[in-house]
Amino acid sequence: MSLVNLTYVHETVSVYFECARCQHFCSADVRVFGEGGSNFLEGDDVGIERARASAKTAAAQTLLFVPCPACGHQPSGGNSLRRRVTVTLLLAPVAVFLVGALAFCWWEQPTFTAGAVTTMGSVALGLLTGGYNYYMSPRPWTGAGERVVFNERR
């Protein structure tokens, strides 16, 4: 028995779509992935609900990368979301490893060459970790057009 139970959900979520330009509105069915966790005191139902909430958020984010079915307008906000997710996933590990290397250099006070090697190695390890995180994380813009089906019924 583990203390934290992770729950994964692959489902089709129905979300509301409204175009900012032509005011066209309809519902959209989006195939998404959600992940939620719960501890042993909360039970599995809480993890499932968190995973469904995560899937609903991912569905709303996916709609930022799909053009309007009526006028073809691309919603705003997709580029900033893509930039924010990419920078966070790639550069956060670099910053963490760099802070560790600088703390090591401050504590041990090695020669310049050893400090430079430690710092560059930490940056390289951070880039590798960030690249792996970016590759493994679900990104709402990948295959957004294939995962969304618009229901034109009002």
N, C-alpha and C. Protein backbone atom coordinates (compact mmCIF):
# COMPACT_ATOMS: atom_id res chain seq x y z
N MET A 1 0.85 -1.17 0.00
CA MET A 1 0.00 0.00 0.00
C MET A 1 0.89 1.23 0.00
N SER A 2 0.65 2.11 -0.96
CA SER A 2 1.47 3.31 -1.05
C SER A 2 0.75 4.49 -0.41
N LEU A 3 1.51 5.50 -0.07
CA LEU A 3 0.92 6.67 0.56
C LEU A 3 0.20 7.57 -0.46
N VAL A 4 0.69 7.58 -1.70
CA VAL A 4 0.08 8.39 -2.75
C VAL A 4 -0.33 7.47 -3.89
N ASN A 5 -1.56 7.62 -4.34
CA ASN A 5 -2.07 6.83 -5.44
C ASN A 5 -2.28 7.76 -6.64
N LEU A 6 -1.57 7.50 -7.75
CA LEU A 6 -1.73 8.30 -8.96
C LEU A 6 -2.78 7.65 -9.84
N THR A 7 -3.66 8.47 -10.40
CA THR A 7 -4.73 8.00 -11.26
C THR A 7 -4.60 8.68 -12.60
N TYR A 8 -4.69 7.90 -13.67
CA TYR A 8 -4.60 8.42 -15.03
C TYR A 8 -5.93 8.20 -15.73
N VAL A 9 -6.36 9.20 -16.49
CA VAL A 9 -7.63 9.14 -17.19
C VAL A 9 -7.39 9.49 -18.66
N HIS A 10 -7.83 8.62 -19.56
CA HIS A 10 -7.87 8.90 -20.99
C HIS A 10 -9.33 8.92 -21.37
N GLU A 11 -9.84 10.10 -21.71
CA GLU A 11 -11.26 10.17 -22.03
C GLU A 11 -11.53 11.32 -22.98
N THR A 12 -12.76 11.33 -23.48
CA THR A 12 -13.23 12.41 -24.33
C THR A 12 -14.05 13.36 -23.47
N VAL A 13 -13.63 14.62 -23.46
CA VAL A 13 -14.27 15.63 -22.63
C VAL A 13 -15.02 16.59 -23.53
N SER A 14 -16.25 16.91 -23.17
CA SER A 14 -17.03 17.87 -23.92
C SER A 14 -16.87 19.25 -23.28
N VAL A 15 -16.40 20.21 -24.07
CA VAL A 15 -16.19 21.57 -23.58
C VAL A 15 -16.88 22.56 -24.51
N TYR A 16 -17.14 23.73 -24.01
CA TYR A 16 -17.83 24.79 -24.75
C TYR A 16 -16.80 25.60 -25.53
N PHE A 17 -17.10 25.86 -26.81
CA PHE A 17 -16.20 26.65 -27.66
C PHE A 17 -16.95 27.88 -28.16
N GLU A 18 -16.30 29.04 -28.04
CA GLU A 18 -16.86 30.26 -28.60
C GLU A 18 -15.73 31.05 -29.26
N CYS A 19 -15.96 31.44 -30.50
CA CYS A 19 -14.96 32.19 -31.25
C CYS A 19 -15.01 33.66 -30.82
N ALA A 20 -13.86 34.25 -30.59
CA ALA A 20 -13.79 35.64 -30.17
C ALA A 20 -14.06 36.59 -31.34
N ARG A 21 -13.82 36.14 -32.56
CA ARG A 21 -14.00 37.01 -33.71
C ARG A 21 -15.44 36.99 -34.24
N CYS A 22 -15.98 35.81 -34.57
CA CYS A 22 -17.30 35.74 -35.21
C CYS A 22 -18.42 35.36 -34.24
N GLN A 23 -18.10 35.14 -32.99
CA GLN A 23 -19.06 34.78 -31.94
C GLN A 23 -19.76 33.44 -32.21
N HIS A 24 -19.17 32.60 -33.06
CA HIS A 24 -19.71 31.26 -33.30
C HIS A 24 -19.51 30.42 -32.04
N PHE A 25 -20.54 29.71 -31.63
CA PHE A 25 -20.40 28.87 -30.44
C PHE A 25 -20.95 27.48 -30.73
N CYS A 26 -20.29 26.51 -30.12
CA CYS A 26 -20.69 25.11 -30.23
C CYS A 26 -19.96 24.33 -29.15
N SER A 27 -20.30 23.07 -29.04
CA SER A 27 -19.56 22.23 -28.11
C SER A 27 -18.50 21.46 -28.89
N ALA A 28 -17.47 21.09 -28.21
CA ALA A 28 -16.37 20.36 -28.84
C ALA A 28 -16.01 19.17 -27.97
N ASP A 29 -15.85 18.03 -28.59
CA ASP A 29 -15.39 16.83 -27.90
C ASP A 29 -13.89 16.70 -28.11
N VAL A 30 -13.15 16.66 -27.02
CA VAL A 30 -11.69 16.63 -27.08
C VAL A 30 -11.18 15.37 -26.39
N ARG A 31 -10.36 14.60 -27.09
CA ARG A 31 -9.71 13.43 -26.48
C ARG A 31 -8.47 13.91 -25.74
N VAL A 32 -8.45 13.70 -24.44
CA VAL A 32 -7.36 14.21 -23.60
C VAL A 32 -6.92 13.17 -22.58
N PHE A 33 -5.85 13.53 -21.90
CA PHE A 33 -5.23 12.73 -20.86
C PHE A 33 -5.24 13.56 -19.58
N GLY A 34 -5.62 12.94 -18.47
CA GLY A 34 -5.61 13.63 -17.18
C GLY A 34 -4.89 12.80 -16.14
N GLU A 35 -4.29 13.48 -15.18
CA GLU A 35 -3.56 12.81 -14.11
C GLU A 35 -3.93 13.45 -12.79
N GLY A 36 -4.22 12.62 -11.80
CA GLY A 36 -4.56 13.12 -10.48
C GLY A 36 -4.00 12.21 -9.41
N GLY A 37 -3.79 12.75 -8.25
CA GLY A 37 -3.25 11.97 -7.15
C GLY A 37 -4.07 12.13 -5.89
N SER A 38 -4.03 11.11 -5.07
CA SER A 38 -4.71 11.16 -3.78
C SER A 38 -3.89 10.37 -2.78
N ASN A 39 -3.99 10.75 -1.53
CA ASN A 39 -3.29 9.99 -0.51
C ASN A 39 -4.21 8.90 0.03
N PHE A 40 -3.69 8.07 0.89
CA PHE A 40 -4.46 6.91 1.34
C PHE A 40 -5.64 7.30 2.22
N LEU A 41 -5.63 8.50 2.80
CA LEU A 41 -6.76 8.94 3.61
C LEU A 41 -7.93 9.42 2.76
N GLU A 42 -7.63 9.99 1.59
CA GLU A 42 -8.68 10.54 0.75
C GLU A 42 -9.42 9.48 -0.06
N GLY A 43 -8.74 8.42 -0.44
CA GLY A 43 -9.37 7.37 -1.24
C GLY A 43 -9.17 7.59 -2.72
N ASP A 44 -9.57 6.58 -3.49
CA ASP A 44 -9.36 6.61 -4.94
C ASP A 44 -10.30 7.58 -5.65
N ASP A 45 -11.47 7.84 -5.09
CA ASP A 45 -12.42 8.73 -5.76
C ASP A 45 -11.87 10.14 -5.91
N VAL A 46 -11.12 10.60 -4.95
CA VAL A 46 -10.54 11.94 -5.01
C VAL A 46 -9.52 12.00 -6.14
N GLY A 47 -8.71 10.97 -6.29
CA GLY A 47 -7.72 10.92 -7.38
C GLY A 47 -8.38 10.92 -8.74
N ILE A 48 -9.50 10.19 -8.86
CA ILE A 48 -10.21 10.15 -10.13
C ILE A 48 -10.80 11.52 -10.45
N GLU A 49 -11.36 12.17 -9.47
CA GLU A 49 -11.93 13.50 -9.70
C GLU A 49 -10.84 14.52 -10.07
N ARG A 50 -9.68 14.41 -9.44
CA ARG A 50 -8.58 15.31 -9.79
C ARG A 50 -8.08 15.03 -11.20
N ALA A 51 -8.04 13.77 -11.58
CA ALA A 51 -7.63 13.42 -12.94
C ALA A 51 -8.64 13.95 -13.96
N ARG A 52 -9.91 13.86 -13.66
CA ARG A 52 -10.93 14.40 -14.58
C ARG A 52 -10.85 15.92 -14.66
N ALA A 53 -10.57 16.58 -13.55
CA ALA A 53 -10.40 18.04 -13.58
C ALA A 53 -9.17 18.42 -14.41
N SER A 54 -8.11 17.63 -14.28
CA SER A 54 -6.91 17.87 -15.08
C SER A 54 -7.21 17.66 -16.57
N ALA A 55 -8.01 16.66 -16.88
CA ALA A 55 -8.38 16.40 -18.28
C ALA A 55 -9.24 17.54 -18.82
N LYS A 56 -10.13 18.07 -18.01
CA LYS A 56 -10.97 19.19 -18.46
C LYS A 56 -10.12 20.43 -18.71
N THR A 57 -9.13 20.68 -17.87
CA THR A 57 -8.22 21.80 -18.10
C THR A 57 -7.42 21.60 -19.38
N ALA A 58 -6.94 20.38 -19.59
CA ALA A 58 -6.19 20.09 -20.81
C ALA A 58 -7.06 20.26 -22.05
N ALA A 59 -8.35 19.91 -21.95
CA ALA A 59 -9.26 20.09 -23.08
C ALA A 59 -9.45 21.56 -23.40
N ALA A 60 -9.61 22.39 -22.37
CA ALA A 60 -9.76 23.83 -22.59
C ALA A 60 -8.49 24.42 -23.19
N GLN A 61 -7.32 23.93 -22.76
CA GLN A 61 -6.07 24.41 -23.33
C GLN A 61 -5.89 23.96 -24.77
N THR A 62 -6.39 22.76 -25.10
CA THR A 62 -6.28 22.25 -26.46
C THR A 62 -7.06 23.11 -27.43
N LEU A 63 -8.20 23.65 -27.00
CA LEU A 63 -9.00 24.50 -27.87
C LEU A 63 -8.29 25.79 -28.27
N LEU A 64 -7.25 26.17 -27.54
CA LEU A 64 -6.47 27.35 -27.91
C LEU A 64 -5.66 27.13 -29.19
N PHE A 65 -5.49 25.88 -29.60
CA PHE A 65 -4.65 25.55 -30.74
C PHE A 65 -5.45 25.05 -31.93
N VAL A 66 -6.78 25.18 -31.88
CA VAL A 66 -7.64 24.73 -32.96
C VAL A 66 -8.38 25.93 -33.52
N PRO A 67 -8.39 26.11 -34.86
CA PRO A 67 -9.09 27.25 -35.42
C PRO A 67 -10.61 27.08 -35.34
N CYS A 68 -11.31 28.21 -35.39
CA CYS A 68 -12.76 28.21 -35.35
C CYS A 68 -13.30 27.47 -36.58
N PRO A 69 -14.29 26.60 -36.42
CA PRO A 69 -14.82 25.88 -37.58
C PRO A 69 -15.62 26.78 -38.53
N ALA A 70 -16.08 27.93 -38.07
CA ALA A 70 -16.88 28.81 -38.92
C ALA A 70 -16.03 29.80 -39.71
N CYS A 71 -15.09 30.48 -39.04
CA CYS A 71 -14.32 31.52 -39.73
C CYS A 71 -12.83 31.21 -39.86
N GLY A 72 -12.33 30.20 -39.17
CA GLY A 72 -10.92 29.84 -39.26
C GLY A 72 -9.99 30.66 -38.39
N HIS A 73 -10.53 31.51 -37.53
CA HIS A 73 -9.71 32.34 -36.64
C HIS A 73 -9.04 31.49 -35.58
N GLN A 74 -7.75 31.72 -35.40
CA GLN A 74 -7.00 31.01 -34.37
C GLN A 74 -7.13 31.77 -33.06
N PRO A 75 -7.59 31.14 -31.98
CA PRO A 75 -7.75 31.85 -30.71
C PRO A 75 -6.42 32.37 -30.18
N SER A 76 -6.48 33.52 -29.51
CA SER A 76 -5.27 34.06 -28.91
C SER A 76 -4.99 33.33 -27.60
N GLY A 77 -3.78 33.35 -27.17
CA GLY A 77 -3.40 32.70 -25.93
C GLY A 77 -2.64 31.42 -26.15
N GLY A 78 -2.73 30.83 -27.32
CA GLY A 78 -2.03 29.57 -27.58
C GLY A 78 -0.53 29.74 -27.59
N ASN A 79 -0.05 30.82 -28.21
CA ASN A 79 1.39 31.03 -28.28
C ASN A 79 1.99 31.31 -26.91
N SER A 80 1.29 32.06 -26.08
CA SER A 80 1.83 32.33 -24.75
C SER A 80 1.82 31.07 -23.89
N LEU A 81 0.81 30.23 -24.03
CA LEU A 81 0.78 28.97 -23.29
C LEU A 81 1.92 28.07 -23.74
N ARG A 82 2.13 27.97 -25.05
CA ARG A 82 3.22 27.14 -25.57
C ARG A 82 4.57 27.64 -25.07
N ARG A 83 4.77 28.95 -25.09
CA ARG A 83 6.04 29.53 -24.63
C ARG A 83 6.25 29.29 -23.13
N ARG A 84 5.18 29.48 -22.34
CA ARG A 84 5.28 29.30 -20.89
C ARG A 84 5.60 27.85 -20.53
N VAL A 85 4.92 26.90 -21.17
CA VAL A 85 5.16 25.49 -20.87
C VAL A 85 6.55 25.08 -21.31
N THR A 86 6.97 25.52 -22.49
CA THR A 86 8.29 25.15 -23.00
C THR A 86 9.40 25.71 -22.12
N VAL A 87 9.31 26.98 -21.76
CA VAL A 87 10.36 27.59 -20.93
C VAL A 87 10.41 26.93 -19.56
N THR A 88 9.23 26.66 -18.99
CA THR A 88 9.20 26.03 -17.66
C THR A 88 9.80 24.64 -17.69
N LEU A 89 9.40 23.84 -18.68
CA LEU A 89 9.89 22.45 -18.71
C LEU A 89 11.37 22.36 -19.05
N LEU A 90 11.87 23.27 -19.89
CA LEU A 90 13.26 23.17 -20.30
C LEU A 90 14.22 23.88 -19.34
N LEU A 91 13.82 25.03 -18.81
CA LEU A 91 14.77 25.82 -18.04
C LEU A 91 14.70 25.64 -16.54
N ALA A 92 13.60 25.13 -16.01
CA ALA A 92 13.51 24.92 -14.56
C ALA A 92 14.57 23.94 -14.06
N PRO A 93 14.77 22.78 -14.72
CA PRO A 93 15.85 21.89 -14.25
C PRO A 93 17.23 22.53 -14.37
N VAL A 94 17.45 23.34 -15.40
CA VAL A 94 18.75 24.00 -15.55
C VAL A 94 19.00 24.93 -14.36
N ALA A 95 17.97 25.68 -13.98
CA ALA A 95 18.12 26.59 -12.84
C ALA A 95 18.38 25.82 -11.55
N VAL A 96 17.68 24.70 -11.35
CA VAL A 96 17.87 23.92 -10.13
C VAL A 96 19.28 23.35 -10.06
N PHE A 97 19.75 22.76 -11.17
CA PHE A 97 21.10 22.19 -11.16
C PHE A 97 22.15 23.29 -11.06
N LEU A 98 21.91 24.45 -11.66
CA LEU A 98 22.87 25.54 -11.58
C LEU A 98 22.97 26.09 -10.16
N VAL A 99 21.85 26.20 -9.48
CA VAL A 99 21.89 26.64 -8.07
C VAL A 99 22.66 25.64 -7.22
N GLY A 100 22.46 24.35 -7.49
CA GLY A 100 23.22 23.32 -6.77
C GLY A 100 24.71 23.43 -7.03
N ALA A 101 25.08 23.68 -8.29
CA ALA A 101 26.50 23.81 -8.62
C ALA A 101 27.11 25.05 -7.97
N LEU A 102 26.36 26.15 -7.99
CA LEU A 102 26.88 27.37 -7.36
C LEU A 102 27.00 27.22 -5.85
N ALA A 103 26.05 26.51 -5.23
CA ALA A 103 26.15 26.25 -3.80
C ALA A 103 27.37 25.38 -3.50
N PHE A 104 27.60 24.38 -4.34
CA PHE A 104 28.78 23.54 -4.16
C PHE A 104 30.05 24.37 -4.30
N CYS A 105 30.12 25.23 -5.31
CA CYS A 105 31.31 26.06 -5.52
C CYS A 105 31.51 27.05 -4.37
N TRP A 106 30.41 27.58 -3.83
CA TRP A 106 30.53 28.51 -2.72
C TRP A 106 31.01 27.77 -1.47
N TRP A 107 30.49 26.56 -1.24
CA TRP A 107 30.83 25.80 -0.04
C TRP A 107 32.25 25.24 -0.09
N GLU A 108 32.62 24.63 -1.20
CA GLU A 108 33.92 23.96 -1.31
C GLU A 108 35.04 24.89 -1.77
N GLN A 109 34.71 25.95 -2.48
CA GLN A 109 35.66 26.90 -3.05
C GLN A 109 36.77 26.18 -3.84
N PRO A 110 36.35 25.46 -4.90
CA PRO A 110 37.37 24.74 -5.68
C PRO A 110 38.14 25.72 -6.58
N THR A 111 39.13 25.18 -7.28
CA THR A 111 39.87 26.01 -8.23
C THR A 111 38.92 26.45 -9.33
N PHE A 112 39.35 27.43 -10.12
CA PHE A 112 38.49 27.97 -11.17
C PHE A 112 38.08 26.89 -12.17
N THR A 113 39.02 26.03 -12.55
CA THR A 113 38.74 25.00 -13.54
C THR A 113 37.72 23.99 -13.01
N ALA A 114 37.89 23.55 -11.79
CA ALA A 114 36.95 22.58 -11.22
C ALA A 114 35.56 23.20 -11.05
N GLY A 115 35.52 24.45 -10.66
CA GLY A 115 34.23 25.13 -10.53
C GLY A 115 33.53 25.29 -11.87
N ALA A 116 34.31 25.63 -12.90
CA ALA A 116 33.73 25.79 -14.23
C ALA A 116 33.21 24.46 -14.77
N VAL A 117 33.97 23.39 -14.54
CA VAL A 117 33.53 22.07 -14.99
C VAL A 117 32.27 21.64 -14.26
N THR A 118 32.22 21.88 -12.97
CA THR A 118 31.03 21.54 -12.18
C THR A 118 29.82 22.32 -12.66
N THR A 119 29.99 23.61 -12.91
CA THR A 119 28.89 24.44 -13.36
C THR A 119 28.42 24.03 -14.75
N MET A 120 29.34 23.81 -15.68
CA MET A 120 28.95 23.41 -17.03
C MET A 120 28.32 22.02 -17.04
N GLY A 121 28.83 21.13 -16.22
CA GLY A 121 28.22 19.80 -16.12
C GLY A 121 26.81 19.87 -15.56
N SER A 122 26.59 20.75 -14.61
CA SER A 122 25.25 20.91 -14.04
C SER A 122 24.29 21.50 -15.07
N VAL A 123 24.74 22.45 -15.85
CA VAL A 123 23.89 23.01 -16.91
C VAL A 123 23.56 21.94 -17.94
N ALA A 124 24.55 21.14 -18.33
CA ALA A 124 24.30 20.07 -19.29
C ALA A 124 23.32 19.04 -18.73
N LEU A 125 23.48 18.68 -17.48
CA LEU A 125 22.54 17.74 -16.85
C LEU A 125 21.15 18.34 -16.75
N GLY A 126 21.07 19.63 -16.46
CA GLY A 126 19.78 20.31 -16.43
C GLY A 126 19.11 20.33 -17.79
N LEU A 127 19.90 20.57 -18.86
CA LEU A 127 19.34 20.55 -20.21
C LEU A 127 18.85 19.16 -20.59
N LEU A 128 19.59 18.14 -20.23
CA LEU A 128 19.14 16.77 -20.51
C LEU A 128 17.85 16.45 -19.75
N THR A 129 17.80 16.83 -18.49
CA THR A 129 16.60 16.58 -17.69
C THR A 129 15.42 17.38 -18.24
N GLY A 130 15.65 18.64 -18.60
CA GLY A 130 14.59 19.45 -19.19
C GLY A 130 14.10 18.91 -20.51
N GLY A 131 15.01 18.44 -21.35
CA GLY A 131 14.61 17.83 -22.62
C GLY A 131 13.78 16.58 -22.42
N TYR A 132 14.16 15.77 -21.45
CA TYR A 132 13.38 14.58 -21.14
C TYR A 132 11.99 14.96 -20.61
N ASN A 133 11.93 15.95 -19.72
CA ASN A 133 10.63 16.41 -19.20
C ASN A 133 9.75 16.93 -20.33
N TYR A 134 10.34 17.69 -21.25
CA TYR A 134 9.57 18.24 -22.36
C TYR A 134 9.05 17.12 -23.27
N TYR A 135 9.90 16.14 -23.51
CA TYR A 135 9.50 15.02 -24.38
C TYR A 135 8.41 14.17 -23.74
N MET A 136 8.46 13.97 -22.44
CA MET A 136 7.53 13.07 -21.77
C MET A 136 6.23 13.75 -21.33
N SER A 137 6.19 15.06 -21.27
CA SER A 137 5.00 15.73 -20.76
C SER A 137 3.93 15.83 -21.85
N PRO A 138 2.65 15.79 -21.45
CA PRO A 138 1.60 15.99 -22.45
C PRO A 138 1.53 17.46 -22.83
N ARG A 139 1.59 17.72 -24.12
CA ARG A 139 1.52 19.09 -24.62
C ARG A 139 0.21 19.26 -25.37
N PRO A 140 -0.59 20.26 -25.02
CA PRO A 140 -1.91 20.38 -25.64
C PRO A 140 -1.88 20.74 -27.12
N TRP A 141 -0.76 21.24 -27.64
CA TRP A 141 -0.71 21.64 -29.04
C TRP A 141 -0.35 20.49 -29.97
N THR A 142 0.11 19.36 -29.47
CA THR A 142 0.47 18.26 -30.34
C THR A 142 -0.79 17.52 -30.79
N GLY A 143 -1.01 17.49 -32.07
CA GLY A 143 -2.15 16.78 -32.64
C GLY A 143 -3.50 17.34 -32.22
N ALA A 144 -3.56 18.64 -31.97
CA ALA A 144 -4.81 19.23 -31.47
C ALA A 144 -5.93 19.10 -32.50
N GLY A 145 -5.61 19.27 -33.77
CA GLY A 145 -6.63 19.19 -34.81
C GLY A 145 -7.25 17.81 -34.92
N GLU A 146 -6.48 16.76 -34.66
CA GLU A 146 -6.99 15.40 -34.76
C GLU A 146 -7.77 14.97 -33.51
N ARG A 147 -7.54 15.64 -32.41
CA ARG A 147 -8.19 15.24 -31.15
C ARG A 147 -9.48 15.98 -30.86
N VAL A 148 -9.83 16.98 -31.69
CA VAL A 148 -11.01 17.81 -31.43
C VAL A 148 -12.07 17.54 -32.51
N VAL A 149 -13.29 17.30 -32.06
CA VAL A 149 -14.44 17.16 -32.96
C VAL A 149 -15.47 18.18 -32.52
N PHE A 150 -15.85 19.09 -33.43
CA PHE A 150 -16.84 20.11 -33.12
C PHE A 150 -18.25 19.56 -33.38
N ASN A 151 -19.15 19.81 -32.45
CA ASN A 151 -20.56 19.45 -32.59
C ASN A 151 -21.31 20.72 -32.93
N GLU A 152 -21.79 20.85 -34.16
CA GLU A 152 -22.42 22.08 -34.60
C GLU A 152 -23.85 22.25 -34.11
N ARG A 153 -24.42 21.23 -33.49
CA ARG A 153 -25.77 21.37 -32.95
C ARG A 153 -25.77 22.39 -31.84
N ARG A 154 -26.77 23.22 -31.80
CA ARG A 154 -26.82 24.27 -30.77
C ARG A 154 -27.82 23.94 -29.72
